[in-house]
Amino acid sequence: MSFTDVIKRRMAQEGLKPSDLARQTGYSQQYISDLLRGRRRWNETTMEKVCRVLGIKVEFGVDGLNTGTEGM
């Protein structure tokens, strides 16, 4: 599931429209709509603001990362 899909799902759960999210984040309605339609790319600041409004915690990880400590 993509980040945008997660945001859309949470918006639906909360009964929020793009205009509501725009108002609560301080972004324009057009900007939020463009993000949700894939016409613009998410950046760290935008992701942080949207997640804060929606109560979403984002964590990044790498599967299978070799830390170089095996066999020590």
C-alpha atoms as a PDB file:
ATOM      1  CA  MET A   1       0.000   0.000   0.000  1.00  0.00           C
ATOM      2  CA  SER A   2       1.404   3.399  -0.938  1.00  0.00           C
ATOM      3  CA  PHE A   3       1.672   6.395   1.380  1.00  0.00           C
ATOM      4  CA  THR A   4      -1.101   8.129  -0.563  1.00  0.00           C
ATOM      5  CA  ASP A   5      -3.364   5.090  -0.156  1.00  0.00           C
ATOM      6  CA  VAL A   6      -2.794   5.159   3.610  1.00  0.00           C
ATOM      7  CA  ILE A   7      -3.671   8.861   3.726  1.00  0.00           C
ATOM      8  CA  LYS A   8      -6.821   8.364   1.642  1.00  0.00           C
ATOM      9  CA  ARG A   9      -7.918   5.461   3.840  1.00  0.00           C
ATOM     10  CA  ARG A  10      -7.435   7.467   7.050  1.00  0.00           C
ATOM     11  CA  MET A  11      -9.249  10.450   5.553  1.00  0.00           C
ATOM     12  CA  ALA A  12     -12.200   8.184   4.743  1.00  0.00           C
ATOM     13  CA  GLN A  13     -12.149   6.741   8.270  1.00  0.00           C
ATOM     14  CA  GLU A  14     -12.182  10.246   9.743  1.00  0.00           C
ATOM     15  CA  GLY A  15     -14.748  11.557   7.254  1.00  0.00           C
ATOM     16  CA  LEU A  16     -12.354  14.215   5.962  1.00  0.00           C
ATOM     17  CA  LYS A  17     -12.389  15.790   2.526  1.00  0.00           C
ATOM     18  CA  PRO A  18      -9.270  17.184   0.843  1.00  0.00           C
ATOM     19  CA  SER A  19     -10.494  20.675   1.722  1.00  0.00           C
ATOM     20  CA  ASP A  20     -10.611  19.699   5.419  1.00  0.00           C
ATOM     21  CA  LEU A  21      -7.089  18.345   5.281  1.00  0.00           C
ATOM     22  CA  ALA A  22      -5.898  21.452   3.469  1.00  0.00           C
ATOM     23  CA  ARG A  23      -7.411  23.720   6.090  1.00  0.00           C
ATOM     24  CA  GLN A  24      -5.900  21.746   8.965  1.00  0.00           C
ATOM     25  CA  THR A  25      -2.411  21.568   7.432  1.00  0.00           C
ATOM     26  CA  GLY A  26      -2.276  25.101   6.056  1.00  0.00           C
ATOM     27  CA  TYR A  27      -1.840  23.949   2.459  1.00  0.00           C
ATOM     28  CA  SER A  28      -4.093  24.921  -0.411  1.00  0.00           C
ATOM     29  CA  GLN A  29      -6.888  22.604  -1.429  1.00  0.00           C
ATOM     30  CA  GLN A  30      -5.335  22.331  -4.892  1.00  0.00           C
ATOM     31  CA  TYR A  31      -1.979  21.250  -3.444  1.00  0.00           C
ATOM     32  CA  ILE A  32      -3.572  18.536  -1.295  1.00  0.00           C
ATOM     33  CA  SER A  33      -5.709  17.350  -4.228  1.00  0.00           C
ATOM     34  CA  ASP A  34      -2.618  17.181  -6.448  1.00  0.00           C
ATOM     35  CA  LEU A  35      -0.791  15.092  -3.833  1.00  0.00           C
ATOM     36  CA  LEU A  36      -3.720  12.707  -3.500  1.00  0.00           C
ATOM     37  CA  ARG A  37      -4.003  12.329  -7.294  1.00  0.00           C
ATOM     38  CA  GLY A  38      -0.275  11.738  -7.746  1.00  0.00           C
ATOM     39  CA  ARG A  39       0.290  14.980  -9.642  1.00  0.00           C
ATOM     40  CA  ARG A  40       2.763  16.156  -7.012  1.00  0.00           C
ATOM     41  CA  ARG A  41       5.308  14.298  -4.937  1.00  0.00           C
ATOM     42  CA  TRP A  42       5.174  14.096  -1.172  1.00  0.00           C
ATOM     43  CA  ASN A  43       8.060  15.692   0.677  1.00  0.00           C
ATOM     44  CA  GLU A  44       9.159  15.191   4.262  1.00  0.00           C
ATOM     45  CA  THR A  45       7.538  18.376   5.584  1.00  0.00           C
ATOM     46  CA  THR A  46       4.210  17.709   3.899  1.00  0.00           C
ATOM     47  CA  MET A  47       4.190  14.101   5.068  1.00  0.00           C
ATOM     48  CA  GLU A  48       4.910  15.212   8.630  1.00  0.00           C
ATOM     49  CA  LYS A  49       2.100  17.786   8.688  1.00  0.00           C
ATOM     50  CA  VAL A  50      -0.467  15.465   7.135  1.00  0.00           C
ATOM     51  CA  CYS A  51       0.467  12.604   9.444  1.00  0.00           C
ATOM     52  CA  ARG A  52       0.250  14.845  12.493  1.00  0.00           C
ATOM     53  CA  VAL A  53      -3.259  15.966  11.518  1.00  0.00           C
ATOM     54  CA  LEU A  54      -4.391  12.395  10.817  1.00  0.00           C
ATOM     55  CA  GLY A  55      -2.681  10.834  13.831  1.00  0.00           C
ATOM     56  CA  ILE A  56      -0.452   8.585  11.741  1.00  0.00           C
ATOM     57  CA  LYS A  57       3.043   7.539  12.779  1.00  0.00           C
ATOM     58  CA  VAL A  58       5.440   6.844   9.933  1.00  0.00           C
ATOM     59  CA  GLU A  59       8.437   4.590  10.406  1.00  0.00           C
ATOM     60  CA  PHE A  60      11.034   3.712   7.808  1.00  0.00           C
ATOM     61  CA  GLY A  61      13.033   0.530   7.811  1.00  0.00           C
ATOM     62  CA  VAL A  62      15.091  -1.628   5.535  1.00  0.00           C
ATOM     63  CA  ASP A  63      14.441  -5.362   5.323  1.00  0.00           C
ATOM     64  CA  GLY A  64      17.482  -7.577   5.191  1.00  0.00           C
ATOM     65  CA  LEU A  65      19.922  -4.807   6.031  1.00  0.00           C
ATOM     66  CA  ASN A  66      23.348  -6.265   6.668  1.00  0.00           C
ATOM     67  CA  THR A  67      24.756  -4.419   9.664  1.00  0.00           C
ATOM     68  CA  GLY A  68      28.148  -6.036   9.395  1.00  0.00           C
ATOM     69  CA  THR A  69      27.944  -7.416  12.934  1.00  0.00           C
ATOM     70  CA  GLU A  70      27.146 -11.016  12.011  1.00  0.00           C
ATOM     71  CA  GLY A  71      29.811 -13.462  13.082  1.00  0.00           C
ATOM     72  CA  MET A  72      31.460 -11.125  15.587  1.00  0.00           C
END
